[in-house]
Amino acid sequence: MNIRKLTIAALCLTLGLVLPFFTGQIPQIGNALCPMHFPIILCGFLCGWRYGLIVGFITPLLRSFIWSMPYLFPNATAMAFELACYGAAAGILYVHLGRKLWQIYLALIGAMLAGRIVWGAVMFVLAKAFAVNFSWSIFITGAFVTAIPGIIAQLIILPMLVKALQRGGKI
């Protein structure tokens, strides 16, 4: 096991647990800024798809068990699959698309879309199985409209951070 990757993954897990405190534990602000998404996607870029998948799956569940935010059902449950997809997709796409800035953007956008689709699919299954209200408009609002500030922040910060780490020889 690569100690460097394990250390970075642990740091990303820690950031995923701590960053939501900066949104004041207010779900509406957290939904808009998506603070857990940043370290998970970064983990996929830096450590690869396996670490991104594991850290992404564990983070919302662990956070729910420790601080009861997000609520375990259905939020943290659906987020576990969503963030696992973000981490895995970011790692896979980064390796296969290349390391130029525009390719990093492509990998990021692909991961963001894949994760949101997985979240919608899991929420749909949970809604059907447990009679939870979930519709197409709830999916679009939750996955895209409400998250616009977080999406923009991810598109600005993450590619530049990955590129800076590349230049520094860290990845």
N, C-alpha and C. Protein backbone atom coordinates (compact mmCIF):
# COMPACT_ATOMS: atom_id res chain seq x y z
N MET A 1 0.85 -1.17 0.00
CA MET A 1 0.00 0.00 0.00
C MET A 1 0.90 1.24 0.00
N ASN A 2 0.56 2.18 -0.81
CA ASN A 2 1.35 3.40 -0.93
C ASN A 2 1.03 4.33 0.25
N ILE A 3 2.02 4.56 1.11
CA ILE A 3 1.83 5.39 2.31
C ILE A 3 1.45 6.82 1.93
N ARG A 4 2.05 7.33 0.87
CA ARG A 4 1.74 8.70 0.43
C ARG A 4 0.27 8.83 0.05
N LYS A 5 -0.23 7.88 -0.74
CA LYS A 5 -1.64 7.92 -1.14
C LYS A 5 -2.56 7.73 0.06
N LEU A 6 -2.18 6.86 0.95
CA LEU A 6 -2.99 6.61 2.14
C LEU A 6 -3.07 7.87 3.01
N THR A 7 -1.96 8.58 3.11
CA THR A 7 -1.92 9.82 3.90
C THR A 7 -2.79 10.90 3.25
N ILE A 8 -2.68 11.05 1.93
CA ILE A 8 -3.49 12.03 1.22
C ILE A 8 -4.97 11.68 1.33
N ALA A 9 -5.29 10.38 1.21
CA ALA A 9 -6.68 9.95 1.33
C ALA A 9 -7.22 10.25 2.73
N ALA A 10 -6.40 10.03 3.76
CA ALA A 10 -6.82 10.34 5.13
C ALA A 10 -7.04 11.84 5.30
N LEU A 11 -6.19 12.64 4.69
CA LEU A 11 -6.36 14.09 4.74
C LEU A 11 -7.66 14.50 4.04
N CYS A 12 -7.94 13.90 2.89
CA CYS A 12 -9.18 14.21 2.16
C CYS A 12 -10.41 13.78 2.97
N LEU A 13 -10.33 12.63 3.64
CA LEU A 13 -11.43 12.18 4.50
C LEU A 13 -11.64 13.19 5.63
N THR A 14 -10.55 13.62 6.24
CA THR A 14 -10.64 14.60 7.32
C THR A 14 -11.25 15.91 6.83
N LEU A 15 -10.80 16.37 5.66
CA LEU A 15 -11.38 17.60 5.10
C LEU A 15 -12.87 17.43 4.81
N GLY A 16 -13.24 16.26 4.32
CA GLY A 16 -14.65 15.98 4.06
C GLY A 16 -15.50 16.01 5.32
N LEU A 17 -14.89 15.63 6.44
CA LEU A 17 -15.60 15.67 7.72
C LEU A 17 -15.68 17.08 8.29
N VAL A 18 -14.63 17.88 8.05
CA VAL A 18 -14.51 19.19 8.70
C VAL A 18 -15.08 20.34 7.86
N LEU A 19 -14.89 20.33 6.56
CA LEU A 19 -15.32 21.46 5.72
C LEU A 19 -16.79 21.85 5.89
N PRO A 20 -17.71 20.90 6.06
CA PRO A 20 -19.11 21.32 6.26
C PRO A 20 -19.34 22.20 7.48
N PHE A 21 -18.42 22.18 8.45
CA PHE A 21 -18.58 23.08 9.59
C PHE A 21 -18.47 24.54 9.16
N PHE A 22 -17.76 24.80 8.07
CA PHE A 22 -17.63 26.17 7.57
C PHE A 22 -18.91 26.68 6.93
N THR A 23 -19.85 25.79 6.67
CA THR A 23 -21.16 26.22 6.18
C THR A 23 -22.14 26.36 7.34
N GLY A 24 -21.62 26.23 8.55
CA GLY A 24 -22.45 26.44 9.73
C GLY A 24 -23.43 25.31 9.99
N GLN A 25 -23.19 24.14 9.42
CA GLN A 25 -24.09 23.00 9.59
C GLN A 25 -25.51 23.33 9.13
N ILE A 26 -25.64 24.32 8.28
CA ILE A 26 -26.95 24.70 7.74
C ILE A 26 -27.13 23.97 6.41
N PRO A 27 -28.07 23.02 6.33
CA PRO A 27 -28.21 22.19 5.13
C PRO A 27 -28.35 22.98 3.82
N GLN A 28 -29.08 24.11 3.84
CA GLN A 28 -29.28 24.87 2.62
C GLN A 28 -27.95 25.43 2.10
N ILE A 29 -27.10 25.91 3.00
CA ILE A 29 -25.80 26.43 2.58
C ILE A 29 -24.90 25.28 2.14
N GLY A 30 -24.93 24.19 2.88
CA GLY A 30 -24.15 23.02 2.50
C GLY A 30 -24.56 22.47 1.14
N ASN A 31 -25.87 22.44 0.88
CA ASN A 31 -26.35 21.96 -0.42
C ASN A 31 -25.89 22.88 -1.55
N ALA A 32 -25.76 24.15 -1.27
CA ALA A 32 -25.34 25.11 -2.29
C ALA A 32 -23.84 25.05 -2.55
N LEU A 33 -23.05 24.90 -1.49
CA LEU A 33 -21.58 24.96 -1.64
C LEU A 33 -20.91 23.60 -1.79
N CYS A 34 -21.61 22.53 -1.45
CA CYS A 34 -21.11 21.16 -1.62
C CYS A 34 -19.72 20.97 -1.01
N PRO A 35 -19.52 21.28 0.28
CA PRO A 35 -18.18 21.23 0.84
C PRO A 35 -17.54 19.85 0.88
N MET A 36 -18.34 18.79 0.98
CA MET A 36 -17.75 17.45 0.99
C MET A 36 -17.26 17.02 -0.39
N HIS A 37 -17.78 17.60 -1.44
CA HIS A 37 -17.41 17.20 -2.79
C HIS A 37 -15.95 17.51 -3.11
N PHE A 38 -15.47 18.66 -2.66
CA PHE A 38 -14.12 19.12 -3.00
C PHE A 38 -13.05 18.09 -2.64
N PRO A 39 -12.95 17.68 -1.36
CA PRO A 39 -11.87 16.75 -1.02
C PRO A 39 -12.03 15.37 -1.64
N ILE A 40 -13.27 14.97 -1.90
CA ILE A 40 -13.48 13.65 -2.49
C ILE A 40 -13.02 13.63 -3.94
N ILE A 41 -13.40 14.64 -4.70
CA ILE A 41 -12.96 14.72 -6.09
C ILE A 41 -11.45 14.87 -6.14
N LEU A 42 -10.90 15.69 -5.26
CA LEU A 42 -9.45 15.87 -5.20
C LEU A 42 -8.76 14.54 -4.86
N CYS A 43 -9.33 13.76 -3.98
CA CYS A 43 -8.78 12.45 -3.64
C CYS A 43 -8.72 11.56 -4.88
N GLY A 44 -9.76 11.58 -5.68
CA GLY A 44 -9.75 10.80 -6.92
C GLY A 44 -8.63 11.23 -7.85
N PHE A 45 -8.45 12.54 -7.99
CA PHE A 45 -7.37 13.06 -8.84
C PHE A 45 -5.99 12.69 -8.28
N LEU A 46 -5.80 12.85 -7.00
CA LEU A 46 -4.48 12.68 -6.40
C LEU A 46 -4.10 11.23 -6.11
N CYS A 47 -5.09 10.43 -5.71
CA CYS A 47 -4.79 9.08 -5.24
C CYS A 47 -5.28 7.97 -6.16
N GLY A 48 -6.16 8.31 -7.09
CA GLY A 48 -6.70 7.28 -7.98
C GLY A 48 -8.11 6.90 -7.61
N TRP A 49 -8.70 6.12 -8.49
CA TRP A 49 -10.13 5.82 -8.36
C TRP A 49 -10.47 4.98 -7.13
N ARG A 50 -9.59 4.05 -6.75
CA ARG A 50 -9.91 3.19 -5.61
C ARG A 50 -10.01 3.99 -4.31
N TYR A 51 -9.03 4.85 -4.08
CA TYR A 51 -9.06 5.68 -2.88
C TYR A 51 -10.23 6.66 -2.94
N GLY A 52 -10.44 7.27 -4.10
CA GLY A 52 -11.56 8.20 -4.26
C GLY A 52 -12.89 7.54 -3.97
N LEU A 53 -13.06 6.31 -4.45
CA LEU A 53 -14.30 5.57 -4.22
C LEU A 53 -14.49 5.28 -2.74
N ILE A 54 -13.46 4.78 -2.08
CA ILE A 54 -13.58 4.41 -0.67
C ILE A 54 -13.79 5.63 0.21
N VAL A 55 -12.96 6.66 0.03
CA VAL A 55 -13.09 7.88 0.83
C VAL A 55 -14.45 8.53 0.56
N GLY A 56 -14.88 8.54 -0.69
CA GLY A 56 -16.17 9.12 -1.02
C GLY A 56 -17.32 8.39 -0.37
N PHE A 57 -17.25 7.07 -0.31
CA PHE A 57 -18.33 6.29 0.29
C PHE A 57 -18.36 6.46 1.80
N ILE A 58 -17.20 6.47 2.42
CA ILE A 58 -17.12 6.52 3.88
C ILE A 58 -17.48 7.90 4.45
N THR A 59 -17.05 8.96 3.79
CA THR A 59 -17.14 10.30 4.37
C THR A 59 -18.55 10.69 4.82
N PRO A 60 -19.58 10.66 3.97
CA PRO A 60 -20.89 11.11 4.47
C PRO A 60 -21.48 10.18 5.54
N LEU A 61 -21.18 8.89 5.44
CA LEU A 61 -21.70 7.97 6.45
C LEU A 61 -21.03 8.21 7.80
N LEU A 62 -19.71 8.37 7.79
CA LEU A 62 -18.98 8.64 9.02
C LEU A 62 -19.43 9.96 9.64
N ARG A 63 -19.59 10.96 8.79
CA ARG A 63 -20.04 12.28 9.27
C ARG A 63 -21.44 12.18 9.87
N SER A 64 -22.29 11.38 9.27
CA SER A 64 -23.65 11.18 9.80
C SER A 64 -23.60 10.48 11.15
N PHE A 65 -22.76 9.46 11.28
CA PHE A 65 -22.67 8.73 12.55
C PHE A 65 -22.08 9.60 13.66
N ILE A 66 -21.11 10.44 13.32
CA ILE A 66 -20.45 11.26 14.34
C ILE A 66 -21.28 12.47 14.73
N TRP A 67 -21.79 13.21 13.73
CA TRP A 67 -22.45 14.49 14.02
C TRP A 67 -23.92 14.55 13.57
N SER A 68 -24.45 13.45 13.07
CA SER A 68 -25.85 13.38 12.62
C SER A 68 -26.15 14.35 11.48
N MET A 69 -25.13 14.77 10.76
CA MET A 69 -25.31 15.63 9.59
C MET A 69 -24.37 15.15 8.51
N PRO A 70 -24.82 14.85 7.33
CA PRO A 70 -26.23 14.83 6.91
C PRO A 70 -26.97 13.66 7.59
N TYR A 71 -28.28 13.78 7.61
CA TYR A 71 -29.08 12.69 8.17
C TYR A 71 -28.78 11.41 7.42
N LEU A 72 -28.71 10.31 8.16
CA LEU A 72 -28.32 9.04 7.56
C LEU A 72 -29.24 8.63 6.42
N PHE A 73 -30.53 8.81 6.64
CA PHE A 73 -31.48 8.40 5.60
C PHE A 73 -32.40 9.56 5.25
N PRO A 74 -32.55 9.86 3.99
CA PRO A 74 -31.90 9.26 2.83
C PRO A 74 -30.61 9.99 2.41
N ASN A 75 -30.34 11.14 3.04
CA ASN A 75 -29.26 12.01 2.55
C ASN A 75 -27.88 11.36 2.55
N ALA A 76 -27.38 10.94 3.71
CA ALA A 76 -26.02 10.38 3.77
C ALA A 76 -25.92 9.08 2.97
N THR A 77 -27.00 8.32 2.96
CA THR A 77 -26.99 7.07 2.20
C THR A 77 -26.81 7.36 0.71
N ALA A 78 -27.60 8.26 0.17
CA ALA A 78 -27.48 8.61 -1.25
C ALA A 78 -26.15 9.31 -1.53
N MET A 79 -25.72 10.17 -0.59
CA MET A 79 -24.45 10.87 -0.77
C MET A 79 -23.27 9.91 -0.78
N ALA A 80 -23.35 8.82 -0.04
CA ALA A 80 -22.26 7.84 -0.02
C ALA A 80 -22.01 7.30 -1.44
N PHE A 81 -23.07 6.99 -2.14
CA PHE A 81 -22.93 6.49 -3.51
C PHE A 81 -22.50 7.61 -4.45
N GLU A 82 -23.07 8.79 -4.26
CA GLU A 82 -22.72 9.94 -5.09
C GLU A 82 -21.24 10.29 -4.96
N LEU A 83 -20.76 10.44 -3.73
CA LEU A 83 -19.37 10.83 -3.52
C LEU A 83 -18.42 9.72 -3.91
N ALA A 84 -18.81 8.46 -3.72
CA ALA A 84 -17.98 7.35 -4.20
C ALA A 84 -17.81 7.44 -5.71
N CYS A 85 -18.89 7.78 -6.39
CA CYS A 85 -18.83 7.94 -7.84
C CYS A 85 -17.94 9.12 -8.23
N TYR A 86 -18.06 10.24 -7.51
CA TYR A 86 -17.20 11.39 -7.80
C TYR A 86 -15.73 11.00 -7.71
N GLY A 87 -15.36 10.38 -6.60
CA GLY A 87 -13.97 10.01 -6.40
C GLY A 87 -13.47 9.02 -7.43
N ALA A 88 -14.27 7.99 -7.69
CA ALA A 88 -13.87 6.98 -8.67
C ALA A 88 -13.81 7.57 -10.08
N ALA A 89 -14.82 8.30 -10.47
CA ALA A 89 -14.85 8.87 -11.83
C ALA A 89 -13.72 9.88 -12.03
N ALA A 90 -13.45 10.71 -11.02
CA ALA A 90 -12.36 11.68 -11.15
C ALA A 90 -11.03 10.95 -11.37
N GLY A 91 -10.80 9.89 -10.60
CA GLY A 91 -9.57 9.12 -10.75
C GLY A 91 -9.45 8.43 -12.10
N ILE A 92 -10.52 7.80 -12.54
CA ILE A 92 -10.51 7.09 -13.82
C ILE A 92 -10.35 8.06 -14.98
N LEU A 93 -11.14 9.12 -14.99
CA LEU A 93 -11.10 10.07 -16.10
C LEU A 93 -9.77 10.82 -16.15
N TYR A 94 -9.20 11.14 -15.01
CA TYR A 94 -7.92 11.85 -14.97
C TYR A 94 -6.82 11.00 -15.62
N VAL A 95 -6.83 9.71 -15.33
CA VAL A 95 -5.83 8.81 -15.90
C VAL A 95 -6.03 8.65 -17.41
N HIS A 96 -7.28 8.51 -17.83
CA HIS A 96 -7.55 8.21 -19.24
C HIS A 96 -7.62 9.43 -20.16
N LEU A 97 -7.97 10.59 -19.61
CA LEU A 97 -8.10 11.77 -20.47
C LEU A 97 -6.82 12.57 -20.60
N GLY A 98 -5.96 12.51 -19.63
CA GLY A 98 -4.71 13.26 -19.72
C GLY A 98 -4.59 14.32 -18.65
N ARG A 99 -3.46 15.00 -18.67
CA ARG A 99 -3.13 15.91 -17.58
C ARG A 99 -3.06 17.39 -17.97
N LYS A 100 -3.45 17.70 -19.18
CA LYS A 100 -3.51 19.11 -19.57
C LYS A 100 -4.71 19.75 -18.89
N LEU A 101 -4.68 21.07 -18.74
CA LEU A 101 -5.73 21.77 -18.01
C LEU A 101 -7.12 21.48 -18.58
N TRP A 102 -7.27 21.53 -19.90
CA TRP A 102 -8.59 21.29 -20.48
C TRP A 102 -9.03 19.84 -20.24
N GLN A 103 -8.07 18.91 -20.16
CA GLN A 103 -8.41 17.51 -19.88
C GLN A 103 -8.82 17.33 -18.42
N ILE A 104 -8.20 18.11 -17.54
CA ILE A 104 -8.59 18.09 -16.13
C ILE A 104 -10.03 18.60 -16.00
N TYR A 105 -10.34 19.68 -16.72
CA TYR A 105 -11.72 20.19 -16.71
C TYR A 105 -12.69 19.13 -17.22
N LEU A 106 -12.33 18.45 -18.28
CA LEU A 106 -13.19 17.39 -18.83
C LEU A 106 -13.41 16.29 -17.80
N ALA A 107 -12.33 15.86 -17.13
CA ALA A 107 -12.44 14.82 -16.10
C ALA A 107 -13.32 15.30 -14.95
N LEU A 108 -13.14 16.55 -14.55
CA LEU A 108 -13.94 17.10 -13.46
C LEU A 108 -15.42 17.15 -13.83
N ILE A 109 -15.72 17.67 -14.99
CA ILE A 109 -17.12 17.78 -15.43
C ILE A 109 -17.74 16.39 -15.57
N GLY A 110 -16.99 15.46 -16.12
CA GLY A 110 -17.48 14.08 -16.24
C GLY A 110 -17.78 13.47 -14.88
N ALA A 111 -16.87 13.68 -13.93
CA ALA A 111 -17.08 13.15 -12.58
C ALA A 111 -18.29 13.81 -11.92
N MET A 112 -18.42 15.13 -12.10
CA MET A 112 -19.54 15.85 -11.50
C MET A 112 -20.88 15.36 -12.07
N LEU A 113 -20.93 15.14 -13.35
CA LEU A 113 -22.17 14.65 -13.97
C LEU A 113 -22.46 13.22 -13.53
N ALA A 114 -21.45 12.36 -13.52
CA ALA A 114 -21.64 10.96 -13.12
C ALA A 114 -22.14 10.87 -11.68
N GLY A 115 -21.53 11.64 -10.79
CA GLY A 115 -21.94 11.61 -9.39
C GLY A 115 -23.37 12.06 -9.19
N ARG A 116 -23.75 13.09 -9.91
CA ARG A 116 -25.12 13.59 -9.79
C ARG A 116 -26.13 12.59 -10.34
N ILE A 117 -25.78 11.92 -11.41
CA ILE A 117 -26.67 10.89 -11.96
C ILE A 117 -26.81 9.74 -10.97
N VAL A 118 -25.70 9.31 -10.37
CA VAL A 118 -25.76 8.24 -9.37
C VAL A 118 -26.61 8.66 -8.18
N TRP A 119 -26.42 9.90 -7.71
CA TRP A 119 -27.24 10.40 -6.60
C TRP A 119 -28.72 10.32 -6.96
N GLY A 120 -29.08 10.77 -8.16
CA GLY A 120 -30.47 10.72 -8.61
C GLY A 120 -31.00 9.30 -8.68
N ALA A 121 -30.19 8.38 -9.18
CA ALA A 121 -30.62 6.98 -9.29
C ALA A 121 -30.82 6.36 -7.91
N VAL A 122 -29.91 6.62 -7.00
CA VAL A 122 -30.04 6.08 -5.64
C VAL A 122 -31.26 6.69 -4.95
N MET A 123 -31.44 7.99 -5.08
CA MET A 123 -32.60 8.64 -4.48
C MET A 123 -33.90 8.08 -5.06
N PHE A 124 -33.91 7.81 -6.36
CA PHE A 124 -35.10 7.24 -7.00
C PHE A 124 -35.41 5.87 -6.40
N VAL A 125 -34.39 5.03 -6.25
CA VAL A 125 -34.58 3.69 -5.67
C VAL A 125 -35.06 3.80 -4.22
N LEU A 126 -34.41 4.67 -3.44
CA LEU A 126 -34.81 4.85 -2.05
C LEU A 126 -36.23 5.39 -1.95
N ALA A 127 -36.58 6.29 -2.84
CA ALA A 127 -37.93 6.87 -2.84
C ALA A 127 -38.98 5.79 -3.12
N LYS A 128 -38.69 4.95 -4.08
CA LYS A 128 -39.64 3.88 -4.41
C LYS A 128 -39.73 2.85 -3.29
N ALA A 129 -38.59 2.50 -2.71
CA ALA A 129 -38.57 1.45 -1.68
C ALA A 129 -39.17 1.92 -0.36
N PHE A 130 -39.02 3.19 -0.04
CA PHE A 130 -39.44 3.68 1.28
C PHE A 130 -40.47 4.80 1.21
N ALA A 131 -41.13 4.94 0.09
CA ALA A 131 -42.19 5.94 -0.09
C ALA A 131 -41.74 7.35 0.28
N VAL A 132 -40.55 7.71 -0.19
CA VAL A 132 -40.02 9.06 -0.01
C VAL A 132 -40.35 9.85 -1.26
N ASN A 133 -40.73 11.10 -1.10
CA ASN A 133 -41.06 11.94 -2.24
C ASN A 133 -39.80 12.30 -3.02
N PHE A 134 -39.75 11.92 -4.30
CA PHE A 134 -38.63 12.26 -5.17
C PHE A 134 -39.14 12.28 -6.61
N SER A 135 -38.91 13.40 -7.28
CA SER A 135 -39.40 13.55 -8.65
C SER A 135 -38.28 14.10 -9.54
N TRP A 136 -38.58 14.19 -10.82
CA TRP A 136 -37.62 14.75 -11.78
C TRP A 136 -37.24 16.18 -11.39
N SER A 137 -38.21 16.99 -10.99
CA SER A 137 -37.92 18.37 -10.62
C SER A 137 -37.09 18.45 -9.34
N ILE A 138 -37.32 17.53 -8.40
CA ILE A 138 -36.49 17.49 -7.19
C ILE A 138 -35.06 17.11 -7.56
N PHE A 139 -34.91 16.17 -8.48
CA PHE A 139 -33.57 15.77 -8.94
C PHE A 139 -32.84 16.96 -9.56
N ILE A 140 -33.46 17.63 -10.52
CA ILE A 140 -32.82 18.76 -11.19
C ILE A 140 -32.49 19.87 -10.20
N THR A 141 -33.42 20.17 -9.31
CA THR A 141 -33.18 21.22 -8.32
C THR A 141 -32.05 20.84 -7.38
N GLY A 142 -32.09 19.62 -6.85
CA GLY A 142 -31.09 19.19 -5.88
C GLY A 142 -29.72 18.98 -6.49
N ALA A 143 -29.67 18.42 -7.68
CA ALA A 143 -28.39 18.08 -8.29
C ALA A 143 -27.73 19.26 -9.00
N PHE A 144 -28.53 20.17 -9.52
CA PHE A 144 -27.94 21.23 -10.33
C PHE A 144 -28.29 22.64 -9.85
N VAL A 145 -29.55 22.97 -9.75
CA VAL A 145 -29.96 24.36 -9.47
C VAL A 145 -29.44 24.83 -8.12
N THR A 146 -29.74 24.09 -7.06
CA THR A 146 -29.31 24.48 -5.73
C THR A 146 -27.78 24.49 -5.61
N ALA A 147 -27.13 23.59 -6.33
CA ALA A 147 -25.68 23.41 -6.21
C ALA A 147 -24.85 24.33 -7.11
N ILE A 148 -25.48 25.26 -7.80
CA ILE A 148 -24.74 26.13 -8.73
C ILE A 148 -23.53 26.82 -8.09
N PRO A 149 -23.65 27.40 -6.89
CA PRO A 149 -22.45 28.01 -6.30
C PRO A 149 -21.31 27.01 -6.08
N GLY A 150 -21.64 25.81 -5.61
CA GLY A 150 -20.62 24.78 -5.40
C GLY A 150 -20.02 24.29 -6.71
N ILE A 151 -20.86 24.15 -7.72
CA ILE A 151 -20.38 23.72 -9.04
C ILE A 151 -19.39 24.74 -9.59
N ILE A 152 -19.74 26.00 -9.50
CA ILE A 152 -18.85 27.06 -9.99
C ILE A 152 -17.54 27.06 -9.20
N ALA A 153 -17.64 26.95 -7.89
CA ALA A 153 -16.43 26.94 -7.05
C ALA A 153 -15.54 25.74 -7.39
N GLN A 154 -16.14 24.58 -7.61
CA GLN A 154 -15.36 23.39 -7.99
C GLN A 154 -14.67 23.60 -9.33
N LEU A 155 -15.39 24.19 -10.28
CA LEU A 155 -14.80 24.42 -11.60
C LEU A 155 -13.67 25.44 -11.56
N ILE A 156 -13.69 26.34 -10.59
CA ILE A 156 -12.63 27.34 -10.47
C ILE A 156 -11.45 26.78 -9.68
N ILE A 157 -11.73 26.17 -8.54
CA ILE A 157 -10.67 25.79 -7.60
C ILE A 157 -9.98 24.48 -7.96
N LEU A 158 -10.73 23.43 -8.23
CA LEU A 158 -10.12 22.11 -8.36
C LEU A 158 -9.14 21.97 -9.53
N PRO A 159 -9.48 22.41 -10.74
CA PRO A 159 -8.49 22.27 -11.82
C PRO A 159 -7.20 23.05 -11.55
N MET A 160 -7.33 24.24 -10.99
CA MET A 160 -6.14 25.03 -10.68
C MET A 160 -5.29 24.35 -9.59
N LEU A 161 -5.96 23.77 -8.61
CA LEU A 161 -5.25 23.07 -7.54
C LEU A 161 -4.53 21.83 -8.08
N VAL A 162 -5.21 21.07 -8.92
CA VAL A 162 -4.58 19.88 -9.52
C VAL A 162 -3.39 20.30 -10.38
N LYS A 163 -3.57 21.34 -11.17
CA LYS A 163 -2.46 21.82 -12.03
C LYS A 163 -1.29 22.30 -11.18
N ALA A 164 -1.56 23.02 -10.10
CA ALA A 164 -0.49 23.50 -9.22
C ALA A 164 0.25 22.32 -8.59
N LEU A 165 -0.47 21.29 -8.19
CA LEU A 165 0.17 20.11 -7.62
C LEU A 165 0.99 19.37 -8.68
N GLN A 166 0.52 19.38 -9.91
CA GLN A 166 1.31 18.79 -11.01
C GLN A 166 2.63 19.54 -11.17
N ARG A 167 2.55 20.85 -11.22
CA ARG A 167 3.76 21.67 -11.40
C ARG A 167 4.73 21.47 -10.24
N GLY A 168 4.18 21.26 -9.06
CA GLY A 168 5.04 21.05 -7.89
C GLY A 168 5.57 19.62 -7.79
N GLY A 169 5.18 18.78 -8.75
CA GLY A 169 5.67 17.41 -8.77
C GLY A 169 5.01 16.50 -7.76
N LYS A 170 3.86 16.91 -7.24
CA LYS A 170 3.18 16.12 -6.22
C LYS A 170 2.29 15.03 -6.82
N ILE A 171 1.91 15.20 -8.09
CA ILE A 171 1.11 14.15 -8.74
C ILE A 171 1.62 13.94 -10.15
